[in-house]
Amino acid sequence: MPRVLITTDYLRPGDEVDDYLRAAGLETRHDPMVGRRDPEDLVSALAGIDAALVANEPLTAGVLARAPRLRVVVRTGVGYDSIDIEAARRLGVGVSNLPGINANAVAEYTLGLLLAAARRLVHSATGVLAGGWPREDGHELRGATLGLVGFGAAARAVVPLARAFGMDVVCTTGVPEGLRGDLGVRFVPFAELLAVSDYVTIHTSLTDSTRGMFDASAFARMKATAVLINTARGAVVDERALADAVRTGGIAGAALDVVTREPLPADSPLRGVEGITVYSHLAGQTAQARRAAGLAGAAELVAALEGRARFTVN
């Protein structure tokens, strides 16, 4: 009987995902990832495991090499930068993700961060909590320009929401022109997007070319009144450069759902910078998105073990 390791923290023994996998003839083991995990603990968890349904586990080449039975890894999400894809390929481990599975949840959350930043909601709430009564002006989204970096499923889902608020939308993407569709978006080079946008939201995957793309030179091109929103991957942003830009007034602020190291370290340069708000990686975490990801991940895992993977990335 093939054995499955489940590390996604919201999946539990006896839930419908567990029932699905067991009905498919698999033995399940739950070892949820909460915070950081020592590589040796992960190696131990993978001992005797044939397939894994995982969160953002650091599946490095070293870890994968010490899991000789492992044949399939499925991410219960979209990003898979925590997995050494090339090492998995060499070792005969198939890796799948779930493209677009939480796009609506991420899009709604992105608009929530935009509204919170525009209307200074966190500042107001924390001020009241501290005994004050802040009454500074906010800004309306209508008439503002939103710049999307990336044009995958989540970014596409943002467009109609932003346009419903009366925003103009520009985008920088590597998606070929013939595959973009007509959503009322103006596609521009990255430098132009930075210069014209009042709000910039990041939706790109983490690659060698996007790592640190928001650096000091990028912030220098942005409006002093601009706000950066990141619901993609933390390492797309140079965090020290961002902290310096906000602290010195180079840009107005940032709302970050993701950071380079999660949970946020005590010595992070993002701490204590007025205008920067860090959230706990919640963009895709709705009841609906979690249920869909769990069930779709389980279905992909079963299919992959049978040689029928639909969303393989290697």
Foldseek 3Di string as FASTA:
>chain_A
DAEEEEADAVDDPPDPLNVLLVVLVYHYDYDHDDAADDLVVLLVSLARHAEYEYELHQAELVSVVSNLNHQEYEYLADAHVSHPQVSCVVSNHWYFYDFLLQLLLLLVVLVVVVVCLQQVVVVQVVQVVVPHGDDDHGHQLAPFEEEEEEQGSNNLNNLVVSVVSNYAYEYEYPPDPVPRDPSNYHYDHLLVSQQRHQEYEYADHDDPVQFQCAALVSLQSHDLAHEYEYLHEARSHPQLSQLVCCQVSSHVAYEYAYHNHPPPDPPGSQPPRPRYHYHPNCSRDDPSSSVSSSNVRSVQRSCVVVVRHDGTPD
